[in-house]
Amino acid sequence: MKVITPLHYKPAHGLILIYDVTDINTFKNMRNWIKHMQILEKAYISKVLVGNKCHEPKREVTEEEGKKLAEEFGLAYFETSTETNQNINEVFEYLARDILNNYDKIIKKTSLLKKDNEQKERKKGCAK
């Protein structure tokens, strides 16, 4: 499995973490992805947990389990189906609204993070 570093998230203001409700392993991997995401707590990022394929009758993850995980980490939660188009628009509308509602926080935190990184780079250049 390829490890994704926080650098991959750097320009993001929002994240959608998606698992397959018919595959318990994708749900179990969400904890790893959420831990990677927690590295970014210096910057405000809108986050949504999504259980996909909710139209399928053979589920391995219940809606309650998805909600419980989302609640544990303070994430918004949606169940979607790309096949039936269930809640797809709602996920993106929620994320866009949350980003816009918190835009001032995003800009302030991003500016502070940028200044912090610039100071670290200057310090690297001075040490010889």
Protein backbone atom coordinates (compact mmCIF):
# COMPACT_ATOMS: atom_id res chain seq x y z
CA MET A 1 0.00 0.00 0.00
CA LYS A 2 1.34 3.40 -0.97
CA VAL A 3 1.67 5.77 1.97
CA ILE A 4 0.22 9.17 1.23
CA THR A 5 2.01 12.02 2.93
CA PRO A 6 0.38 15.28 4.01
CA LEU A 7 2.02 16.96 1.02
CA HIS A 8 -0.63 15.34 -1.18
CA TYR A 9 -3.32 17.20 0.76
CA LYS A 10 -1.50 20.53 0.87
CA PRO A 11 -3.71 22.50 -1.55
CA ALA A 12 -6.97 20.94 -0.29
CA HIS A 13 -9.65 22.76 1.66
CA GLY A 14 -11.86 19.68 1.81
CA LEU A 15 -11.52 15.92 1.98
CA ILE A 16 -13.99 13.17 1.19
CA LEU A 17 -13.05 9.83 2.72
CA ILE A 18 -14.98 7.05 0.97
CA TYR A 19 -15.36 3.40 1.87
CA ASP A 20 -17.42 0.61 0.29
CA VAL A 21 -20.25 -0.62 2.57
CA THR A 22 -20.00 -4.04 0.89
CA ASP A 23 -16.31 -4.45 1.78
CA ILE A 24 -15.38 -4.42 5.49
CA ASN A 25 -11.68 -4.01 4.66
CA THR A 26 -12.25 -0.59 3.08
CA PHE A 27 -14.06 0.46 6.26
CA LYS A 28 -11.25 -0.85 8.48
CA ASN A 29 -8.73 1.17 6.43
CA MET A 30 -10.61 4.39 7.20
CA ARG A 31 -8.90 4.61 10.59
CA ASN A 32 -5.50 4.73 8.82
CA TRP A 33 -6.71 7.44 6.44
CA ILE A 34 -8.19 9.44 9.30
CA LYS A 35 -4.88 9.22 11.18
CA HIS A 36 -3.08 10.59 8.10
CA MET A 37 -5.66 13.34 7.99
CA GLN A 38 -5.09 14.26 11.64
CA ILE A 39 -1.56 15.34 10.73
CA LEU A 40 -3.25 18.25 8.97
CA GLU A 41 -4.94 19.62 12.07
CA LYS A 42 -2.74 22.74 11.79
CA ALA A 43 -4.84 23.74 8.78
CA TYR A 44 -8.61 23.89 8.73
CA ILE A 45 -9.91 21.31 6.32
CA SER A 46 -13.53 20.31 5.82
CA LYS A 47 -13.93 16.56 6.16
CA VAL A 48 -16.66 14.12 5.17
CA LEU A 49 -16.90 10.35 5.67
CA VAL A 50 -18.90 8.56 2.98
CA GLY A 51 -20.17 4.99 2.86
CA ASN A 52 -20.71 4.19 -0.82
CA LYS A 53 -22.81 1.48 -2.51
CA CYS A 54 -25.64 1.88 0.01
CA HIS A 55 -28.07 0.49 -2.61
CA GLU A 56 -26.43 -2.96 -2.35
CA PRO A 57 -28.35 -5.51 -0.25
CA LYS A 58 -25.23 -7.44 0.84
CA ARG A 59 -23.66 -4.97 3.24
CA GLU A 60 -20.69 -5.72 5.44
CA VAL A 61 -20.81 -2.33 7.21
CA THR A 62 -24.02 -1.02 8.75
CA GLU A 63 -25.07 2.61 8.59
CA GLU A 64 -24.80 2.72 12.39
CA GLU A 65 -21.13 1.62 12.23
CA GLY A 66 -20.38 4.37 9.70
CA LYS A 67 -22.12 7.00 11.80
CA LYS A 68 -20.29 5.84 14.92
CA LEU A 69 -16.87 6.16 13.22
CA ALA A 70 -17.75 9.59 11.85
CA GLU A 71 -18.94 10.75 15.27
CA GLU A 72 -15.78 9.42 16.94
CA PHE A 73 -13.63 11.65 14.74
CA GLY A 74 -16.03 14.60 14.42
CA LEU A 75 -16.74 14.05 10.73
CA ALA A 76 -19.91 14.65 8.76
CA TYR A 77 -21.36 11.35 7.50
CA PHE A 78 -23.28 10.41 4.36
CA GLU A 79 -24.26 7.18 2.69
CA THR A 80 -24.22 7.36 -1.09
CA SER A 81 -24.74 5.32 -4.20
CA THR A 82 -23.02 6.34 -7.40
CA GLU A 83 -25.22 3.81 -9.19
CA THR A 84 -28.51 5.41 -8.10
CA ASN A 85 -27.07 8.91 -7.54
CA GLN A 86 -28.27 8.85 -3.91
CA ASN A 87 -26.82 11.70 -1.81
CA ILE A 88 -24.02 12.52 -4.27
CA ASN A 89 -25.06 16.16 -4.63
CA GLU A 90 -25.67 16.42 -0.89
CA VAL A 91 -22.07 15.42 -0.10
CA PHE A 92 -20.60 18.03 -2.42
CA GLU A 93 -23.08 20.70 -1.33
CA TYR A 94 -22.27 20.05 2.33
CA LEU A 95 -18.53 20.20 1.67
CA ALA A 96 -18.78 23.39 -0.40
CA ARG A 97 -21.03 25.05 2.20
CA ASP A 98 -18.72 24.06 5.05
CA ILE A 99 -15.67 25.38 3.21
CA LEU A 100 -17.42 28.69 2.45
CA ASN A 101 -18.75 29.03 6.01
CA ASN A 102 -15.24 28.58 7.36
CA TYR A 103 -13.31 30.42 4.66
CA ASP A 104 -11.91 33.02 7.07
CA LYS A 105 -10.53 30.24 9.28
CA ILE A 106 -9.06 28.49 6.25
CA ILE A 107 -7.26 31.63 5.03
CA LYS A 108 -5.98 32.51 8.51
CA LYS A 109 -4.70 28.98 9.24
CA THR A 110 -3.23 28.61 5.75
CA SER A 111 -1.37 31.93 6.14
CA LEU A 112 -0.01 30.90 9.54
CA LEU A 113 1.06 27.51 8.18
CA LYS A 114 2.75 29.17 5.19
CA LYS A 115 4.66 31.59 7.45
CA ASP A 116 5.71 28.68 9.69
CA ASN A 117 7.00 26.74 6.68
CA GLU A 118 8.86 29.79 5.34
CA GLN A 119 10.58 30.26 8.71
CA LYS A 120 11.62 26.59 8.74
CA GLU A 121 13.06 26.94 5.22
CA ARG A 122 15.04 30.04 6.21
CA LYS A 123 16.46 28.22 9.23
CA LYS A 124 17.56 25.34 7.00
CA GLY A 125 19.43 27.73 4.75
CA CYS A 126 21.30 29.38 7.64
CA ALA A 127 22.70 26.24 9.25
CA LYS A 128 26.08 25.19 7.84
